Amino acid sequence: MIDAIIKITMPPEKRQEVLQTFKAILAPIRREQGCISCNCYVDIETENSLLFIEEWKSREDLDTHLRSVHFGILIGAMKLLKKAPDIRFNTIVSTAGAEAVDAARG
């Protein structure tokens, strides 16, 4: 599994436009092959910062997405920003759930 994380800080005057654009592409991205999830989160302490987080089944699925029209729309929206976004791709080798909390807490 691969996580794609985009952290952006948008100018206040572009906030509504960026949020509308990101909201409009959530559902189409979720329908792309290999997409496990796609969500956008606004920072509750800094309202002009947000995280756009996608989870993909494979690197091939992510690469196809990065060449898609939907990702092109994301790139276009990010060009409205004064500061370059922080983009990271994390390959997840294993995951654990509540049992990890129980094990750590004894």
PDB file of N, CA and C in Angstrom:
ATOM      1  N   MET A   1       0.853  -1.175   0.000  1.00  0.00           N
ATOM      2  CA  MET A   1       0.000   0.000   0.000  1.00  0.00           C
ATOM      3  C   MET A   1       0.899   1.238   0.000  1.00  0.00           C
ATOM      4  N   ILE A   2       0.449   2.270  -0.683  1.00  0.00           N
ATOM      5  CA  ILE A   2       1.194   3.523  -0.754  1.00  0.00           C
ATOM      6  C   ILE A   2       0.278   4.680  -0.364  1.00  0.00           C
ATOM      7  N   ASP A   3       0.759   5.510   0.545  1.00  0.00           N
ATOM      8  CA  ASP A   3       0.051   6.732   0.920  1.00  0.00           C
ATOM      9  C   ASP A   3       0.647   7.893   0.147  1.00  0.00           C
ATOM     10  N   ALA A   4      -0.210   8.718  -0.416  1.00  0.00           N
ATOM     11  CA  ALA A   4       0.201   9.974  -1.043  1.00  0.00           C
ATOM     12  C   ALA A   4      -0.353  11.083  -0.155  1.00  0.00           C
ATOM     13  N   ILE A   5       0.538  11.927   0.353  1.00  0.00           N
ATOM     14  CA  ILE A   5       0.133  12.986   1.277  1.00  0.00           C
ATOM     15  C   ILE A   5       0.580  14.329   0.711  1.00  0.00           C
ATOM     16  N   ILE A   6      -0.388  15.210   0.524  1.00  0.00           N
ATOM     17  CA  ILE A   6      -0.092  16.551   0.028  1.00  0.00           C
ATOM     18  C   ILE A   6      -0.535  17.545   1.096  1.00  0.00           C
ATOM     19  N   LYS A   7       0.417  18.317   1.602  1.00  0.00           N
ATOM     20  CA  LYS A   7       0.116  19.347   2.599  1.00  0.00           C
ATOM     21  C   LYS A   7       0.263  20.689   1.922  1.00  0.00           C
ATOM     22  N   ILE A   8      -0.805  21.480   1.967  1.00  0.00           N
ATOM     23  CA  ILE A   8      -0.743  22.788   1.335  1.00  0.00           C
ATOM     24  C   ILE A   8      -1.170  23.878   2.308  1.00  0.00           C
ATOM     25  N   THR A   9      -0.638  25.056   2.055  1.00  0.00           N
ATOM     26  CA  THR A   9      -1.069  26.268   2.737  1.00  0.00           C
ATOM     27  C   THR A   9      -1.528  27.207   1.637  1.00  0.00           C
ATOM     28  N   MET A  10      -2.787  27.597   1.710  1.00  0.00           N
ATOM     29  CA  MET A  10      -3.363  28.409   0.639  1.00  0.00           C
ATOM     30  C   MET A  10      -3.550  29.843   1.103  1.00  0.00           C
ATOM     31  N   PRO A  11      -3.421  30.789   0.181  1.00  0.00           N
ATOM     32  CA  PRO A  11      -3.702  32.186   0.546  1.00  0.00           C
ATOM     33  C   PRO A  11      -5.185  32.307   0.913  1.00  0.00           C
ATOM     34  N   PRO A  12      -5.516  33.112   1.916  1.00  0.00           N
ATOM     35  CA  PRO A  12      -6.922  33.249   2.329  1.00  0.00           C
ATOM     36  C   PRO A  12      -7.857  33.579   1.169  1.00  0.00           C
ATOM     37  N   GLU A  13      -7.385  34.390   0.227  1.00  0.00           N
ATOM     38  CA  GLU A  13      -8.258  34.787  -0.885  1.00  0.00           C
ATOM     39  C   GLU A  13      -8.494  33.658  -1.890  1.00  0.00           C
ATOM     40  N   LYS A  14      -7.705  32.580  -1.833  1.00  0.00           N
ATOM     41  CA  LYS A  14      -7.862  31.424  -2.736  1.00  0.00           C
ATOM     42  C   LYS A  14      -8.484  30.222  -2.031  1.00  0.00           C
ATOM     43  N   ARG A  15      -8.752  30.356  -0.732  1.00  0.00           N
ATOM     44  CA  ARG A  15      -9.230  29.228   0.076  1.00  0.00           C
ATOM     45  C   ARG A  15     -10.482  28.590  -0.512  1.00  0.00           C
ATOM     46  N   GLN A  16     -11.490  29.368  -0.770  1.00  0.00           N
ATOM     47  CA  GLN A  16     -12.761  28.824  -1.273  1.00  0.00           C
ATOM     48  C   GLN A  16     -12.562  28.105  -2.605  1.00  0.00           C
ATOM     49  N   GLU A  17     -11.807  28.708  -3.503  1.00  0.00           N
ATOM     50  CA  GLU A  17     -11.559  28.108  -4.821  1.00  0.00           C
ATOM     51  C   GLU A  17     -10.810  26.776  -4.699  1.00  0.00           C
ATOM     52  N   VAL A  18      -9.785  26.734  -3.858  1.00  0.00           N
ATOM     53  CA  VAL A  18      -9.015  25.506  -3.671  1.00  0.00           C
ATOM     54  C   VAL A  18      -9.889  24.423  -3.048  1.00  0.00           C
ATOM     55  N   LEU A  19     -10.642  24.768  -2.002  1.00  0.00           N
ATOM     56  CA  LEU A  19     -11.504  23.783  -1.351  1.00  0.00           C
ATOM     57  C   LEU A  19     -12.564  23.241  -2.301  1.00  0.00           C
ATOM     58  N   GLN A  20     -13.165  24.089  -3.106  1.00  0.00           N
ATOM     59  CA  GLN A  20     -14.173  23.634  -4.073  1.00  0.00           C
ATOM     60  C   GLN A  20     -13.554  22.682  -5.096  1.00  0.00           C
ATOM     61  N   THR A  21     -12.367  23.006  -5.561  1.00  0.00           N
ATOM     62  CA  THR A  21     -11.687  22.154  -6.534  1.00  0.00           C
ATOM     63  C   THR A  21     -11.369  20.796  -5.929  1.00  0.00           C
ATOM     64  N   PHE A  22     -10.794  20.794  -4.727  1.00  0.00           N
ATOM     65  CA  PHE A  22     -10.446  19.533  -4.083  1.00  0.00           C
ATOM     66  C   PHE A  22     -11.697  18.705  -3.799  1.00  0.00           C
ATOM     67  N   LYS A  23     -12.760  19.348  -3.335  1.00  0.00           N
ATOM     68  CA  LYS A  23     -14.005  18.627  -3.046  1.00  0.00           C
ATOM     69  C   LYS A  23     -14.579  17.993  -4.314  1.00  0.00           C
ATOM     70  N   ALA A  24     -14.486  18.691  -5.430  1.00  0.00           N
ATOM     71  CA  ALA A  24     -15.052  18.205  -6.689  1.00  0.00           C
ATOM     72  C   ALA A  24     -14.334  16.968  -7.220  1.00  0.00           C
ATOM     73  N   ILE A  25     -13.059  16.795  -6.890  1.00  0.00           N
ATOM     74  CA  ILE A  25     -12.324  15.652  -7.457  1.00  0.00           C
ATOM     75  C   ILE A  25     -12.224  14.462  -6.506  1.00  0.00           C
ATOM     76  N   LEU A  26     -12.707  14.588  -5.277  1.00  0.00           N
ATOM     77  CA  LEU A  26     -12.640  13.471  -4.336  1.00  0.00           C
ATOM     78  C   LEU A  26     -13.329  12.218  -4.887  1.00  0.00           C
ATOM     79  N   ALA A  27     -14.591  12.339  -5.257  1.00  0.00           N
ATOM     80  CA  ALA A  27     -15.349  11.164  -5.723  1.00  0.00           C
ATOM     81  C   ALA A  27     -14.745  10.546  -6.986  1.00  0.00           C
ATOM     82  N   PRO A  28     -14.363  11.333  -7.997  1.00  0.00           N
ATOM     83  CA  PRO A  28     -13.742  10.713  -9.175  1.00  0.00           C
ATOM     84  C   PRO A  28     -12.438   9.984  -8.854  1.00  0.00           C
ATOM     85  N   ILE A  29     -11.629  10.534  -7.966  1.00  0.00           N
ATOM     86  CA  ILE A  29     -10.384   9.855  -7.598  1.00  0.00           C
ATOM     87  C   ILE A  29     -10.701   8.548  -6.875  1.00  0.00           C
ATOM     88  N   ARG A  30     -11.695   8.569  -5.995  1.00  0.00           N
ATOM     89  CA  ARG A  30     -12.078   7.356  -5.254  1.00  0.00           C
ATOM     90  C   ARG A  30     -12.515   6.229  -6.190  1.00  0.00           C
ATOM     91  N   ARG A  31     -12.990   6.578  -7.384  1.00  0.00           N
ATOM     92  CA  ARG A  31     -13.425   5.558  -8.347  1.00  0.00           C
ATOM     93  C   ARG A  31     -12.287   5.026  -9.211  1.00  0.00           C
ATOM     94  N   GLU A  32     -11.105   5.632  -9.126  1.00  0.00           N
ATOM     95  CA  GLU A  32      -9.972   5.165  -9.928  1.00  0.00           C
ATOM     96  C   GLU A  32      -9.526   3.788  -9.447  1.00  0.00           C
ATOM     97  N   GLN A  33      -9.053   2.993 -10.383  1.00  0.00           N
ATOM     98  CA  GLN A  33      -8.571   1.652 -10.062  1.00  0.00           C
ATOM     99  C   GLN A  33      -7.439   1.724  -9.046  1.00  0.00           C
ATOM    100  N   GLY A  34      -7.563   0.917  -7.995  1.00  0.00           N
ATOM    101  CA  GLY A  34      -6.513   0.838  -6.988  1.00  0.00           C
ATOM    102  C   GLY A  34      -6.604   1.845  -5.864  1.00  0.00           C
ATOM    103  N   CYS A  35      -7.568   2.767  -5.928  1.00  0.00           N
ATOM    104  CA  CYS A  35      -7.718   3.753  -4.850  1.00  0.00           C
ATOM    105  C   CYS A  35      -8.418   3.098  -3.664  1.00  0.00           C
ATOM    106  N   ILE A  36      -7.745   3.103  -2.523  1.00  0.00           N
ATOM    107  CA  ILE A  36      -8.331   2.575  -1.297  1.00  0.00           C
ATOM    108  C   ILE A  36      -9.137   3.667  -0.611  1.00  0.00           C
ATOM    109  N   SER A  37      -8.576   4.878  -0.568  1.00  0.00           N
ATOM    110  CA  SER A  37      -9.289   6.015   0.018  1.00  0.00           C
ATOM    111  C   SER A  37      -8.678   7.317  -0.483  1.00  0.00           C
ATOM    112  N   CYS A  38      -9.466   8.370  -0.381  1.00  0.00           N
ATOM    113  CA  CYS A  38      -9.021   9.708  -0.765  1.00  0.00           C
ATOM    114  C   CYS A  38      -9.828  10.696   0.067  1.00  0.00           C
ATOM    115  N   ASN A  39      -9.130  11.506   0.873  1.00  0.00           N
ATOM    116  CA  ASN A  39      -9.801  12.450   1.757  1.00  0.00           C
ATOM    117  C   ASN A  39      -9.023  13.749   1.849  1.00  0.00           C
ATOM    118  N   CYS A  40      -9.752  14.799   2.194  1.00  0.00           N
ATOM    119  CA  CYS A  40      -9.159  16.117   2.367  1.00  0.00           C
ATOM    120  C   CYS A  40      -9.515  16.611   3.768  1.00  0.00           C
ATOM    121  N   TYR A  41      -8.503  17.077   4.495  1.00  0.00           N
ATOM    122  CA  TYR A  41      -8.682  17.511   5.873  1.00  0.00           C
ATOM    123  C   TYR A  41      -8.185  18.944   6.037  1.00  0.00           C
ATOM    124  N   VAL A  42      -8.993  19.785   6.676  1.00  0.00           N
ATOM    125  CA  VAL A  42      -8.595  21.157   6.974  1.00  0.00           C
ATOM    126  C   VAL A  42      -8.011  21.181   8.378  1.00  0.00           C
ATOM    127  N   ASP A  43      -6.885  21.851   8.556  1.00  0.00           N
ATOM    128  CA  ASP A  43      -6.232  21.985   9.852  1.00  0.00           C
ATOM    129  C   ASP A  43      -7.101  22.866  10.748  1.00  0.00           C
ATOM    130  N   ILE A  44      -7.485  22.357  11.906  1.00  0.00           N
ATOM    131  CA  ILE A  44      -8.378  23.125  12.776  1.00  0.00           C
ATOM    132  C   ILE A  44      -7.677  24.287  13.477  1.00  0.00           C
ATOM    133  N   GLU A  45      -6.345  24.271  13.477  1.00  0.00           N
ATOM    134  CA  GLU A  45      -5.605  25.371  14.093  1.00  0.00           C
ATOM    135  C   GLU A  45      -5.165  26.415  13.077  1.00  0.00           C
ATOM    136  N   THR A  46      -5.002  26.000  11.845  1.00  0.00           N
ATOM    137  CA  THR A  46      -4.587  26.903  10.779  1.00  0.00           C
ATOM    138  C   THR A  46      -5.522  26.657   9.597  1.00  0.00           C
ATOM    139  N   GLU A  47      -6.611  27.391   9.530  1.00  0.00           N
ATOM    140  CA  GLU A  47      -7.669  27.078   8.569  1.00  0.00           C
ATOM    141  C   GLU A  47      -7.259  27.180   7.101  1.00  0.00           C
ATOM    142  N   ASN A  48      -6.146  27.800   6.820  1.00  0.00           N
ATOM    143  CA  ASN A  48      -5.691  27.880   5.434  1.00  0.00           C
ATOM    144  C   ASN A  48      -4.678  26.791   5.086  1.00  0.00           C
ATOM    145  N   SER A  49      -4.554  25.790   5.965  1.00  0.00           N
ATOM    146  CA  SER A  49      -3.715  24.626   5.688  1.00  0.00           C
ATOM    147  C   SER A  49      -4.601  23.401   5.579  1.00  0.00           C
ATOM    148  N   LEU A  50      -4.249  22.531   4.659  1.00  0.00           N
ATOM    149  CA  LEU A  50      -5.013  21.294   4.532  1.00  0.00           C
ATOM    150  C   LEU A  50      -4.124  20.141   4.115  1.00  0.00           C
ATOM    151  N   LEU A  51      -4.631  18.952   4.371  1.00  0.00           N
ATOM    152  CA  LEU A  51      -3.973  17.712   3.954  1.00  0.00           C
ATOM    153  C   LEU A  51      -4.888  16.999   2.973  1.00  0.00           C
ATOM    154  N   PHE A  52      -4.323  16.568   1.873  1.00  0.00           N
ATOM    155  CA  PHE A  52      -5.024  15.757   0.887  1.00  0.00           C
ATOM    156  C   PHE A  52      -4.321  14.407   0.942  1.00  0.00           C
ATOM    157  N   ILE A  53      -5.041  13.382   1.409  1.00  0.00           N
ATOM    158  CA  ILE A  53      -4.422  12.079   1.641  1.00  0.00           C
ATOM    159  C   ILE A  53      -5.111  11.013   0.795  1.00  0.00           C
ATOM    160  N   GLU A  54      -4.290  10.291   0.039  1.00  0.00           N
ATOM    161  CA  GLU A  54      -4.776   9.202  -0.800  1.00  0.00           C
ATOM    162  C   GLU A  54      -4.064   7.916  -0.383  1.00  0.00           C
ATOM    163  N   GLU A  55      -4.768   6.785  -0.471  1.00  0.00           N
ATOM    164  CA  GLU A  55      -4.168   5.472  -0.246  1.00  0.00           C
ATOM    165  C   GLU A  55      -4.372   4.638  -1.501  1.00  0.00           C
ATOM    166  N   TRP A  56      -3.288   4.009  -1.959  1.00  0.00           N
ATOM    167  CA  TRP A  56      -3.306   3.230  -3.202  1.00  0.00           C
ATOM    168  C   TRP A  56      -2.842   1.806  -2.957  1.00  0.00           C
ATOM    169  N   LYS A  57      -3.427   0.863  -3.674  1.00  0.00           N
ATOM    170  CA  LYS A  57      -3.079  -0.551  -3.521  1.00  0.00           C
ATOM    171  C   LYS A  57      -1.658  -0.848  -3.986  1.00  0.00           C
ATOM    172  N   SER A  58      -1.218  -0.194  -5.055  1.00  0.00           N
ATOM    173  CA  SER A  58       0.100  -0.513  -5.614  1.00  0.00           C
ATOM    174  C   SER A  58       0.756   0.731  -6.203  1.00  0.00           C
ATOM    175  N   ARG A  59       2.039   0.623  -6.456  1.00  0.00           N
ATOM    176  CA  ARG A  59       2.782   1.715  -7.094  1.00  0.00           C
ATOM    177  C   ARG A  59       2.255   1.949  -8.506  1.00  0.00           C
ATOM    178  N   GLU A  60       1.881   0.882  -9.191  1.00  0.00           N
ATOM    179  CA  GLU A  60       1.349   1.014 -10.548  1.00  0.00           C
ATOM    180  C   GLU A  60       0.044   1.814 -10.545  1.00  0.00           C
ATOM    181  N   ASP A  61      -0.826   1.535  -9.560  1.00  0.00           N
ATOM    182  CA  ASP A  61      -2.082   2.293  -9.452  1.00  0.00           C
ATOM    183  C   ASP A  61      -1.801   3.769  -9.180  1.00  0.00           C
ATOM    184  N   LEU A  62      -0.851   4.036  -8.290  1.00  0.00           N
ATOM    185  CA  LEU A  62      -0.492   5.423  -7.987  1.00  0.00           C
ATOM    186  C   LEU A  62       0.076   6.108  -9.217  1.00  0.00           C
ATOM    187  N   ASP A  63       0.975   5.432  -9.935  1.00  0.00           N
ATOM    188  CA  ASP A  63       1.575   6.030 -11.127  1.00  0.00           C
ATOM    189  C   ASP A  63       0.511   6.362 -12.173  1.00  0.00           C
ATOM    190  N   THR A  64      -0.456   5.476 -12.348  1.00  0.00           N
ATOM    191  CA  THR A  64      -1.559   5.742 -13.285  1.00  0.00           C
ATOM    192  C   THR A  64      -2.324   6.983 -12.833  1.00  0.00           C
ATOM    193  N   HIS A  65      -2.577   7.079 -11.539  1.00  0.00           N
ATOM    194  CA  HIS A  65      -3.274   8.248 -10.992  1.00  0.00           C
ATOM    195  C   HIS A  65      -2.480   9.536 -11.218  1.00  0.00           C
ATOM    196  N   LEU A  66      -1.156   9.474 -11.024  1.00  0.00           N
ATOM    197  CA  LEU A  66      -0.331  10.671 -11.188  1.00  0.00           C
ATOM    198  C   LEU A  66      -0.356  11.191 -12.625  1.00  0.00           C
ATOM    199  N   ARG A  67      -0.688  10.322 -13.575  1.00  0.00           N
ATOM    200  CA  ARG A  67      -0.805  10.729 -14.978  1.00  0.00           C
ATOM    201  C   ARG A  67      -2.249  11.081 -15.361  1.00  0.00           C
ATOM    202  N   SER A  68      -3.173  10.970 -14.419  1.00  0.00           N
ATOM    203  CA  SER A  68      -4.604  11.151 -14.712  1.00  0.00           C
ATOM    204  C   SER A  68      -5.013  12.620 -14.818  1.00  0.00           C
ATOM    205  N   VAL A  69      -6.164  12.816 -15.413  1.00  0.00           N
ATOM    206  CA  VAL A  69      -6.768  14.150 -15.490  1.00  0.00           C
ATOM    207  C   VAL A  69      -7.035  14.675 -14.082  1.00  0.00           C
ATOM    208  N   HIS A  70      -7.480  13.809 -13.178  1.00  0.00           N
ATOM    209  CA  HIS A  70      -7.802  14.240 -11.817  1.00  0.00           C
ATOM    210  C   HIS A  70      -6.577  14.791 -11.099  1.00  0.00           C
ATOM    211  N   PHE A  71      -5.439  14.123 -11.241  1.00  0.00           N
ATOM    212  CA  PHE A  71      -4.236  14.646 -10.602  1.00  0.00           C
ATOM    213  C   PHE A  71      -3.791  15.925 -11.297  1.00  0.00           C
ATOM    214  N   GLY A  72      -4.030  16.021 -12.594  1.00  0.00           N
ATOM    215  CA  GLY A  72      -3.738  17.256 -13.317  1.00  0.00           C
ATOM    216  C   GLY A  72      -4.525  18.433 -12.758  1.00  0.00           C
ATOM    217  N   ILE A  73      -5.761  18.173 -12.344  1.00  0.00           N
ATOM    218  CA  ILE A  73      -6.593  19.220 -11.722  1.00  0.00           C
ATOM    219  C   ILE A  73      -5.983  19.628 -10.381  1.00  0.00           C
ATOM    220  N   LEU A  74      -5.504  18.649  -9.613  1.00  0.00           N
ATOM    221  CA  LEU A  74      -4.830  18.966  -8.344  1.00  0.00           C
ATOM    222  C   LEU A  74      -3.616  19.849  -8.581  1.00  0.00           C
ATOM    223  N   ILE A  75      -2.827  19.496  -9.582  1.00  0.00           N
ATOM    224  CA  ILE A  75      -1.636  20.288  -9.910  1.00  0.00           C
ATOM    225  C   ILE A  75      -2.036  21.717 -10.274  1.00  0.00           C
ATOM    226  N   GLY A  76      -3.094  21.856 -11.061  1.00  0.00           N
ATOM    227  CA  GLY A  76      -3.572  23.188 -11.429  1.00  0.00           C
ATOM    228  C   GLY A  76      -3.981  24.004 -10.216  1.00  0.00           C
ATOM    229  N   ALA A  77      -4.679  23.363  -9.275  1.00  0.00           N
ATOM    230  CA  ALA A  77      -5.091  24.067  -8.057  1.00  0.00           C
ATOM    231  C   ALA A  77      -3.881  24.462  -7.225  1.00  0.00           C
ATOM    232  N   MET A  78      -2.880  23.598  -7.182  1.00  0.00           N
ATOM    233  CA  MET A  78      -1.684  23.897  -6.385  1.00  0.00           C
ATOM    234  C   MET A  78      -0.868  25.041  -6.980  1.00  0.00           C
ATOM    235  N   LYS A  79      -1.051  25.302  -8.270  1.00  0.00           N
ATOM    236  CA  LYS A  79      -0.351  26.429  -8.897  1.00  0.00           C
ATOM    237  C   LYS A  79      -0.891  27.771  -8.413  1.00  0.00           C
ATOM    238  N   LEU A  80      -2.057  27.765  -7.775  1.00  0.00           N
ATOM    239  CA  LEU A  80      -2.634  28.987  -7.215  1.00  0.00           C
ATOM    240  C   LEU A  80      -1.951  29.389  -5.905  1.00  0.00           C
ATOM    241  N   LEU A  81      -1.137  28.502  -5.363  1.00  0.00           N
ATOM    242  CA  LEU A  81      -0.521  28.723  -4.060  1.00  0.00           C
ATOM    243  C   LEU A  81       0.737  29.574  -4.163  1.00  0.00           C
ATOM    244  N   LYS A  82       1.004  30.328  -3.115  1.00  0.00           N
ATOM    245  CA  LYS A  82       2.226  31.128  -3.056  1.00  0.00           C
ATOM    246  C   LYS A  82       3.403  30.266  -2.609  1.00  0.00           C
ATOM    247  N   LYS A  83       3.112  29.242  -1.809  1.00  0.00           N
ATOM    248  CA  LYS A  83       4.136  28.356  -1.270  1.00  0.00           C
ATOM    249  C   LYS A  83       3.960  26.970  -1.889  1.00  0.00           C
ATOM    250  N   ALA A  84       5.048  26.360  -2.310  1.00  0.00           N
ATOM    251  CA  ALA A  84       4.981  25.026  -2.905  1.00  0.00           C
ATOM    252  C   ALA A  84       4.440  24.021  -1.886  1.00  0.00           C
ATOM    253  N   PRO A  85       3.609  23.083  -2.336  1.00  0.00           N
ATOM    254  CA  PRO A  85       3.073  22.086  -1.410  1.00  0.00           C
ATOM    255  C   PRO A  85       4.153  21.092  -0.980  1.00  0.00           C
ATOM    256  N   ASP A  86       3.928  20.481   0.150  1.00  0.00           N
ATOM    257  CA  ASP A  86       4.782  19.394   0.621  1.00  0.00           C
ATOM    258  C   ASP A  86       4.113  18.100   0.164  1.00  0.00           C
ATOM    259  N   ILE A  87       4.779  17.351  -0.720  1.00  0.00           N
ATOM    260  CA  ILE A  87       4.217  16.117  -1.265  1.00  0.00           C
ATOM    261  C   ILE A  87       5.106  14.958  -0.842  1.00  0.00           C
ATOM    262  N   ARG A  88       4.470  13.920  -0.251  1.00  0.00           N
ATOM    263  CA  ARG A  88       5.215  12.733   0.175  1.00  0.00           C
ATOM    264  C   ARG A  88       4.478  11.475  -0.267  1.00  0.00           C
ATOM    265  N   PHE A  89       5.258  10.454  -0.591  1.00  0.00           N
ATOM    266  CA  PHE A  89       4.724   9.140  -0.914  1.00  0.00           C
ATOM    267  C   PHE A  89       5.345   8.155   0.062  1.00  0.00           C
ATOM    268  N   ASN A  90       4.513   7.480   0.838  1.00  0.00           N
ATOM    269  CA  ASN A  90       4.984   6.537   1.846  1.00  0.00           C
ATOM    270  C   ASN A  90       4.541   5.129   1.476  1.00  0.00           C
ATOM    271  N   THR A  91       5.492   4.216   1.370  1.00  0.00           N
ATOM    272  CA  THR A  91       5.175   2.818   1.124  1.00  0.00           C
ATOM    273  C   THR A  91       4.968   2.138   2.471  1.00  0.00           C
ATOM    274  N   ILE A  92       3.796   1.548   2.648  1.00  0.00           N
ATOM    275  CA  ILE A  92       3.431   0.906   3.906  1.00  0.00           C
ATOM    276  C   ILE A  92       3.693  -0.593   3.782  1.00  0.00           C
ATOM    277  N   VAL A  93       4.562  -1.108   4.630  1.00  0.00           N
ATOM    278  CA  VAL A  93       4.919  -2.517   4.581  1.00  0.00           C
ATOM    279  C   VAL A  93       3.979  -3.349   5.445  1.00  0.00           C
ATOM    280  N   SER A  94       3.586  -2.807   6.600  1.00  0.00           N
ATOM    281  CA  SER A  94       2.649  -3.524   7.466  1.00  0.00           C
ATOM    282  C   SER A  94       1.802  -2.510   8.219  1.00  0.00           C
ATOM    283  N   THR A  95       0.680  -2.993   8.711  1.00  0.00           N
ATOM    284  CA  THR A  95      -0.205  -2.138   9.503  1.00  0.00           C
ATOM    285  C   THR A  95      -0.672  -2.924  10.732  1.00  0.00           C
ATOM    286  N   ALA A  96      -1.088  -2.209  11.762  1.00  0.00           N
ATOM    287  CA  ALA A  96      -1.625  -2.818  12.969  1.00  0.00           C
ATOM    288  C   ALA A  96      -2.799  -1.982  13.437  1.00  0.00           C
ATOM    289  N   GLY A  97      -3.637  -2.573  14.229  1.00  0.00           N
ATOM    290  CA  GLY A  97      -4.814  -1.881  14.734  1.00  0.00           C
ATOM    291  C   GLY A  97      -4.770  -1.723  16.239  1.00  0.00           C
ATOM    292  N   ALA A  98      -5.959  -1.793  16.842  1.00  0.00           N
ATOM    293  CA  ALA A  98      -6.092  -1.586  18.284  1.00  0.00           C
ATOM    294  C   ALA A  98      -5.273  -2.573  19.095  1.00  0.00           C
ATOM    295  N   GLU A  99      -5.010  -3.749  18.534  1.00  0.00           N
ATOM    296  CA  GLU A  99      -4.194  -4.730  19.261  1.00  0.00           C
ATOM    297  C   GLU A  99      -2.802  -4.196  19.546  1.00  0.00           C
ATOM    298  N   ALA A 100      -2.290  -3.306  18.710  1.00  0.00           N
ATOM    299  CA  ALA A 100      -0.976  -2.712  18.966  1.00  0.00           C
ATOM    300  C   ALA A 100      -1.021  -1.791  20.183  1.00  0.00           C
ATOM    301  N   VAL A 101      -2.132  -1.090  20.353  1.00  0.00           N
ATOM    302  CA  VAL A 101      -2.296  -0.224  21.520  1.00  0.00           C
ATOM    303  C   VAL A 101      -2.373  -1.089  22.780  1.00  0.00           C
ATOM    304  N   ASP A 102      -3.185  -2.149  22.697  1.00  0.00           N
ATOM    305  CA  ASP A 102      -3.313  -3.060  23.844  1.00  0.00           C
ATOM    306  C   ASP A 102      -1.959  -3.661  24.219  1.00  0.00           C
ATOM    307  N   ALA A 103      -1.191  -4.105  23.234  1.00  0.00           N
ATOM    308  CA  ALA A 103       0.118  -4.710  23.495  1.00  0.00           C
ATOM    309  C   ALA A 103       1.082  -3.702  24.120  1.00  0.00           C
ATOM    310  N   ALA A 104       1.047  -2.455  23.637  1.00  0.00           N
ATOM    311  CA  ALA A 104       1.955  -1.433  24.159  1.00  0.00           C
ATOM    312  C   ALA A 104       1.599  -1.025  25.582  1.00  0.00           C
ATOM    313  N   ARG A 105       0.308  -1.018  25.872  1.00  0.00           N
ATOM    314  CA  ARG A 105      -0.158  -0.582  27.188  1.00  0.00           C
ATOM    315  C   ARG A 105      -0.167  -1.716  28.209  1.00  0.00           C
ATOM    316  N   GLY A 106       0.073  -2.938  27.734  1.00  0.00           N
ATOM    317  CA  GLY A 106       0.180  -4.084  28.651  1.00  0.00           C
ATOM    318  C   GLY A 106      -1.155  -4.583  29.007  1.00  0.00           C
TER     319      GLY A 106
END
